[in-house]
Amino acid sequence: MSRFTTPFGFETTADEIIQKIDLRGKTAIVTGGGGGIGTETARALASAGAAVTLAVRRVQASEPVAADISRATGNPSVSVRHLDLADLNSVKAFTGEWSGPVHILVNNAGIMAVPELQKTPQGFELQFGTNFLGHFALTAGLHKALAAAQGARVVSVSSSGHLFSPVIFDDLNFDFIPYTPFGAYGQSKTASALLAVAVTRRWADDGICANALHPGAIATGLQKYTGGLKTPPPLRKTVPQGAATSVLLAASPLLDGIGGLYFEDCNEARQVAKRPTDFTGGYAPYALDPENAERLWETALELTA
């Protein structure tokens, strides 16, 4: 089966993606929009006229970021709201206070390779709780707002790190399996990819499509910790290049009606039979498996109830 391709690639920037796209009248939420590729994604969407909300843990630190985006794009509709994805109470407060449609939801925020086992306030392993469960609760809580947009898109920022682990349904919180930073990170990013599959399967009739992506190896604060990796990624992207695939999935008309796929370098990634040792990319079959996606959705509903 042929893969979905675009004219863009590894070196494409967010600005190149957003050229000639008009998002005036549309509303976007970008989690983790206070830094890194989240900020660049938000800036690109704002430059096309979207009203953008940066959903962040540190509101005060992110307000100058929103102001800078407004100045750079000439778009006054850039705001900041508090959201702590590790705390389900914070997520419920965010969704409960939201009003109006959401045309674009970019589930971008994340933590990576936490050295020691830590738990969220609700008792979930920190990376699974933050990277996946928080975003699941956010997405589910915004369902009506997404459906009201009539053609909404959900962007799920996964990672090539998903190749380190499937979702371990029988031990999500490492109560039995010895904790490893990249094993836990891999599980959370596999779950992030499965979220896109489940959203598309369940909500396509509401006009909602979702896709997952690997942004690439980028020189941001998230990737400072590399313990356990013997071979570092050979090529690093700039932040504008790293945000390009997120912006493509969020806004490009090329993706109209396309969902449930995994992208890297602005194109659908290839499926691999085993984890590459040279960081050449690709996705594992378990990360897009419909049965895994359905099981994870039902599990997440129970965990976040």
Protein backbone atom coordinates (compact mmCIF):
# COMPACT_ATOMS: atom_id res chain seq x y z
CA MET A 1 0.00 0.00 0.00
CA SER A 2 1.41 3.39 -0.98
CA ARG A 3 2.18 5.95 1.70
CA PHE A 4 0.63 9.41 1.91
CA THR A 5 3.17 11.91 0.62
CA THR A 6 3.43 15.70 0.33
CA PRO A 7 5.79 18.10 -1.48
CA PHE A 8 7.49 18.80 1.86
CA GLY A 9 10.32 17.06 3.68
CA PHE A 10 12.99 17.07 6.38
CA GLU A 11 14.15 20.65 5.85
CA THR A 12 10.68 22.20 5.46
CA THR A 13 9.87 24.88 8.03
CA ALA A 14 6.60 25.77 9.68
CA ASP A 15 6.49 29.02 7.68
CA GLU A 16 6.73 27.13 4.43
CA ILE A 17 3.81 24.93 5.45
CA ILE A 18 1.56 27.78 6.53
CA GLN A 19 2.10 29.95 3.45
CA LYS A 20 -1.19 30.84 1.72
CA ILE A 21 -3.28 29.08 4.41
CA ASP A 22 -6.05 31.22 5.91
CA LEU A 23 -7.10 30.30 9.45
CA ARG A 24 -9.06 33.46 10.24
CA GLY A 25 -12.16 32.61 12.24
CA LYS A 26 -10.64 29.40 13.56
CA THR A 27 -9.56 28.56 17.09
CA ALA A 28 -6.51 26.53 18.05
CA ILE A 29 -5.19 25.13 21.34
CA VAL A 30 -1.52 24.19 21.62
CA THR A 31 -0.43 22.40 24.78
CA GLY A 32 3.09 23.22 25.84
CA GLY A 33 2.92 26.34 23.71
CA GLY A 34 5.24 28.25 26.01
CA GLY A 35 8.43 26.86 24.50
CA GLY A 36 10.16 24.81 21.82
CA ILE A 37 8.17 23.49 18.89
CA GLY A 38 4.97 24.33 20.77
CA THR A 39 5.74 28.04 20.54
CA GLU A 40 6.74 27.74 16.89
CA THR A 41 3.55 25.79 16.10
CA ALA A 42 1.46 28.42 17.85
CA ARG A 43 3.26 31.24 16.05
CA ALA A 44 2.69 29.63 12.65
CA LEU A 45 -1.02 29.11 13.32
CA ALA A 46 -1.37 32.67 14.61
CA SER A 47 0.40 34.01 11.52
CA ALA A 48 -2.40 32.50 9.44
CA GLY A 49 -5.02 34.29 11.52
CA ALA A 50 -6.10 31.63 14.03
CA ALA A 51 -7.05 32.56 17.57
CA VAL A 52 -4.48 30.56 19.54
CA THR A 53 -4.51 29.51 23.18
CA LEU A 54 -1.27 28.40 24.77
CA ALA A 55 -2.25 25.75 27.33
CA VAL A 56 0.64 25.68 29.79
CA ARG A 57 1.66 24.90 33.37
CA ARG A 58 3.53 28.16 33.93
CA VAL A 59 1.17 30.93 32.89
CA GLN A 60 3.29 33.83 34.05
CA ALA A 61 6.34 32.59 32.14
CA SER A 62 4.29 32.06 28.99
CA GLU A 63 2.52 35.41 28.87
CA PRO A 64 5.58 37.14 27.35
CA VAL A 65 5.71 34.33 24.76
CA ALA A 66 2.10 35.01 23.77
CA ALA A 67 2.85 38.73 23.58
CA ASP A 68 5.87 38.06 21.35
CA ILE A 69 3.75 35.89 19.03
CA SER A 70 1.12 38.63 18.81
CA ARG A 71 3.74 41.25 17.96
CA ALA A 72 5.47 39.04 15.40
CA THR A 73 2.28 38.01 13.62
CA GLY A 74 0.10 41.08 14.11
CA ASN A 75 -2.52 38.78 15.61
CA PRO A 76 -3.95 40.02 18.93
CA SER A 77 -5.87 36.78 19.54
CA VAL A 78 -3.10 34.85 21.29
CA SER A 79 -3.85 33.97 24.90
CA VAL A 80 -2.56 31.81 27.75
CA ARG A 81 -4.50 29.42 29.99
CA HIS A 82 -3.34 27.21 32.80
CA LEU A 83 -3.17 23.47 32.15
CA ASP A 84 -1.20 20.87 34.10
CA LEU A 85 -1.51 17.67 32.08
CA ALA A 86 -0.10 15.60 34.93
CA ASP A 87 -3.09 16.49 37.10
CA LEU A 88 -6.48 15.32 35.85
CA ASN A 89 -8.20 17.89 38.07
CA SER A 90 -6.41 20.63 36.15
CA VAL A 91 -7.44 19.09 32.83
CA LYS A 92 -11.08 18.88 33.92
CA ALA A 93 -10.99 22.50 35.04
CA PHE A 94 -9.60 23.56 31.65
CA THR A 95 -12.21 21.68 29.62
CA GLY A 96 -15.01 22.69 31.95
CA GLU A 97 -14.21 26.37 31.50
CA TRP A 98 -13.79 26.21 27.73
CA SER A 99 -16.50 27.72 25.55
CA GLY A 100 -16.84 27.83 21.78
CA PRO A 101 -15.58 25.51 19.04
CA VAL A 102 -12.06 24.17 18.74
CA HIS A 103 -10.90 23.77 15.15
CA ILE A 104 -7.34 22.66 15.94
CA LEU A 105 -6.07 20.84 19.02
CA VAL A 106 -2.33 20.25 19.08
CA ASN A 107 -1.40 17.81 21.84
CA ASN A 108 2.20 18.90 21.90
CA ALA A 109 3.37 19.09 25.53
CA GLY A 110 5.42 16.28 26.96
CA ILE A 111 8.18 15.13 29.25
CA MET A 112 10.96 12.76 28.28
CA ALA A 113 12.93 9.99 29.94
CA VAL A 114 12.33 10.93 33.57
CA PRO A 115 15.34 9.34 35.34
CA GLU A 116 13.47 7.83 38.31
CA LEU A 117 9.97 6.44 38.67
CA GLN A 118 7.57 9.23 39.63
CA LYS A 119 3.79 9.34 39.90
CA THR A 120 1.13 11.93 39.06
CA PRO A 121 -1.21 13.25 41.76
CA GLN A 122 -3.66 10.51 40.72
CA GLY A 123 -0.99 7.81 41.02
CA PHE A 124 -0.09 7.18 37.38
CA GLU A 125 3.47 6.83 36.10
CA LEU A 126 4.47 10.40 35.33
CA GLN A 127 5.24 10.10 31.61
CA PHE A 128 2.17 8.00 30.82
CA GLY A 129 0.04 10.31 32.95
CA THR A 130 1.38 13.50 31.38
CA ASN A 131 2.09 12.60 27.77
CA PHE A 132 -0.97 10.42 27.24
CA LEU A 133 -3.62 10.41 29.97
CA GLY A 134 -3.64 14.19 30.33
CA HIS A 135 -4.00 14.63 26.60
CA PHE A 136 -6.64 11.91 26.43
CA ALA A 137 -8.71 13.66 29.10
CA LEU A 138 -8.21 17.01 27.36
CA THR A 139 -9.27 15.64 23.97
CA ALA A 140 -12.25 13.75 25.35
CA GLY A 141 -13.31 16.76 27.42
CA LEU A 142 -13.24 18.97 24.31
CA HIS A 143 -15.22 16.54 22.13
CA LYS A 144 -18.27 18.78 21.85
CA ALA A 145 -16.10 21.79 21.07
CA LEU A 146 -14.25 19.84 18.37
CA ALA A 147 -17.48 18.51 16.87
CA ALA A 148 -18.91 22.05 16.76
CA ALA A 149 -16.00 23.12 14.55
CA GLN A 150 -17.21 20.91 11.67
CA GLY A 151 -13.89 19.63 10.38
CA ALA A 152 -11.67 19.79 13.45
CA ARG A 153 -8.20 18.31 13.60
CA VAL A 154 -6.38 16.76 16.51
CA VAL A 155 -2.60 16.56 16.28
CA SER A 156 -0.89 14.04 18.55
CA VAL A 157 2.84 14.63 18.98
CA SER A 158 4.36 11.19 19.41
CA SER A 159 8.04 10.30 18.92
CA SER A 160 10.37 7.74 17.43
CA GLY A 161 10.79 6.89 21.10
CA HIS A 162 7.58 4.87 20.78
CA LEU A 163 9.81 2.20 19.23
CA PHE A 164 11.18 1.48 22.71
CA SER A 165 7.91 0.05 24.03
CA PRO A 166 4.31 -0.83 23.22
CA VAL A 167 1.61 0.01 25.75
CA ILE A 168 2.01 -2.50 28.57
CA PHE A 169 -1.66 -2.88 29.45
CA ASP A 170 -1.03 -5.22 32.38
CA ASP A 171 1.45 -2.91 34.09
CA LEU A 172 0.94 0.68 32.95
CA ASN A 173 2.53 2.15 36.08
CA PHE A 174 5.59 -0.12 36.39
CA ASP A 175 4.38 -1.75 39.57
CA PHE A 176 5.96 -5.05 38.49
CA ILE A 177 8.20 -4.39 35.50
CA PRO A 178 11.45 -2.60 36.43
CA TYR A 179 11.18 1.05 35.49
CA THR A 180 13.43 2.40 32.75
CA PRO A 181 13.27 6.03 31.58
CA PHE A 182 13.00 5.21 27.88
CA GLY A 183 10.71 2.24 28.39
CA ALA A 184 8.23 4.50 30.15
CA TYR A 185 8.72 7.26 27.60
CA GLY A 186 8.23 4.78 24.76
CA GLN A 187 4.98 3.50 26.24
CA SER A 188 3.62 7.02 26.60
CA LYS A 189 4.47 7.93 23.02
CA THR A 190 2.96 4.71 21.65
CA ALA A 191 -0.17 5.66 23.55
CA SER A 192 -0.06 9.13 21.97
CA ALA A 193 -0.05 7.57 18.50
CA LEU A 194 -2.90 5.23 19.40
CA LEU A 195 -4.93 8.23 20.55
CA ALA A 196 -4.92 9.55 16.98
CA VAL A 197 -6.14 6.21 15.69
CA ALA A 198 -8.97 6.02 18.21
CA VAL A 199 -10.11 9.62 17.71
CA THR A 200 -10.36 9.14 13.96
CA ARG A 201 -12.21 5.83 14.26
CA ARG A 202 -14.67 7.08 16.87
CA TRP A 203 -15.24 10.68 15.81
CA ALA A 204 -14.91 10.72 12.01
CA ASP A 205 -18.70 11.06 11.74
CA ASP A 206 -18.36 14.28 13.74
CA GLY A 207 -15.92 15.59 11.15
CA ILE A 208 -12.95 15.12 13.49
CA CYS A 209 -9.70 13.62 12.21
CA ALA A 210 -6.48 13.00 14.12
CA ASN A 211 -2.95 12.09 13.13
CA ALA A 212 0.23 11.40 15.05
CA LEU A 213 3.75 12.53 14.29
CA HIS A 214 7.40 12.33 15.17
CA PRO A 215 8.79 15.89 15.00
CA GLY A 216 12.39 14.75 14.64
CA ALA A 217 15.46 15.23 16.79
CA ILE A 218 15.48 18.87 17.77
CA ALA A 219 17.87 20.83 19.95
CA THR A 220 15.34 21.77 22.64
CA GLY A 221 15.30 21.37 26.42
CA LEU A 222 13.25 18.18 26.12
CA GLN A 223 16.13 16.29 24.55
CA LYS A 224 18.90 17.27 26.94
CA TYR A 225 18.59 13.93 28.74
CA THR A 226 20.00 11.13 26.60
CA GLY A 227 20.95 8.56 29.21
CA GLY A 228 20.62 5.02 27.89
CA LEU A 229 21.03 5.94 24.24
CA LYS A 230 24.31 4.67 22.87
CA THR A 231 23.86 6.27 19.45
CA PRO A 232 22.56 9.86 19.34
CA PRO A 233 20.33 10.94 16.47
CA PRO A 234 22.60 11.73 13.50
CA LEU A 235 20.70 14.79 12.26
CA ARG A 236 19.04 17.49 14.31
CA LYS A 237 16.40 19.85 13.04
CA THR A 238 15.95 23.50 13.83
CA VAL A 239 12.85 24.37 15.85
CA PRO A 240 11.03 25.74 12.75
CA GLN A 241 11.79 22.47 10.95
CA GLY A 242 10.66 20.47 13.97
CA ALA A 243 7.31 22.24 14.09
CA ALA A 244 6.63 21.80 10.37
CA THR A 245 4.95 18.39 10.59
CA SER A 246 2.70 19.55 13.44
CA VAL A 247 1.63 22.57 11.40
CA LEU A 248 1.07 20.39 8.34
CA LEU A 249 -1.28 18.09 10.24
CA ALA A 250 -2.99 21.01 11.96
CA ALA A 251 -3.65 23.27 9.01
CA SER A 252 -2.73 22.05 5.53
CA PRO A 253 -5.60 21.37 3.11
CA LEU A 254 -3.55 18.40 1.91
CA LEU A 255 -4.71 16.61 5.08
CA ASP A 256 -8.45 17.25 4.66
CA GLY A 257 -10.25 14.07 5.65
CA ILE A 258 -7.02 12.21 6.42
CA GLY A 259 -6.71 10.56 9.82
CA GLY A 260 -5.27 7.72 11.84
CA LEU A 261 -1.78 7.95 10.32
CA TYR A 262 1.73 8.52 11.67
CA PHE A 263 3.93 11.17 10.05
CA GLU A 264 7.56 12.22 10.11
CA ASP A 265 9.38 14.78 7.97
CA CYS A 266 5.98 15.99 6.68
CA ASN A 267 5.11 12.63 5.11
CA GLU A 268 3.51 9.42 6.27
CA ALA A 269 6.15 7.25 7.89
CA ARG A 270 6.89 3.69 6.88
CA GLN A 271 6.09 0.70 9.05
CA VAL A 272 9.11 -1.16 10.40
CA ALA A 273 9.41 -4.77 11.55
CA LYS A 274 11.89 -4.05 14.34
CA ARG A 275 13.37 -1.06 16.10
CA PRO A 276 16.09 0.57 13.97
CA THR A 277 19.41 1.12 15.70
CA ASP A 278 20.39 4.09 13.55
CA PHE A 279 17.40 6.37 14.16
CA THR A 280 16.17 6.09 10.59
CA GLY A 281 12.57 6.45 11.74
CA GLY A 282 9.41 4.56 10.97
CA TYR A 283 6.59 3.33 13.17
CA ALA A 284 5.92 0.03 14.92
CA PRO A 285 2.77 -1.90 13.96
CA TYR A 286 1.56 -1.83 17.56
CA ALA A 287 1.46 1.99 17.51
CA LEU A 288 -1.34 2.14 14.93
CA ASP A 289 -3.10 -1.13 15.71
CA PRO A 290 -6.90 -0.55 15.85
CA GLU A 291 -7.44 -3.16 18.57
CA ASN A 292 -4.74 -1.59 20.72
CA ALA A 293 -6.31 1.82 20.13
CA GLU A 294 -9.75 0.60 21.18
CA ARG A 295 -8.41 -1.15 24.27
CA LEU A 296 -6.40 1.90 25.29
CA TRP A 297 -9.41 4.20 24.82
CA GLU A 298 -11.59 2.05 27.06
CA THR A 299 -8.79 1.78 29.62
CA ALA A 300 -8.25 5.54 29.60
CA LEU A 301 -11.97 6.19 30.07
CA GLU A 302 -11.87 4.10 33.24
CA LEU A 303 -8.67 5.70 34.51
CA THR A 304 -9.86 9.27 33.98
CA ALA A 305 -13.45 8.83 35.15
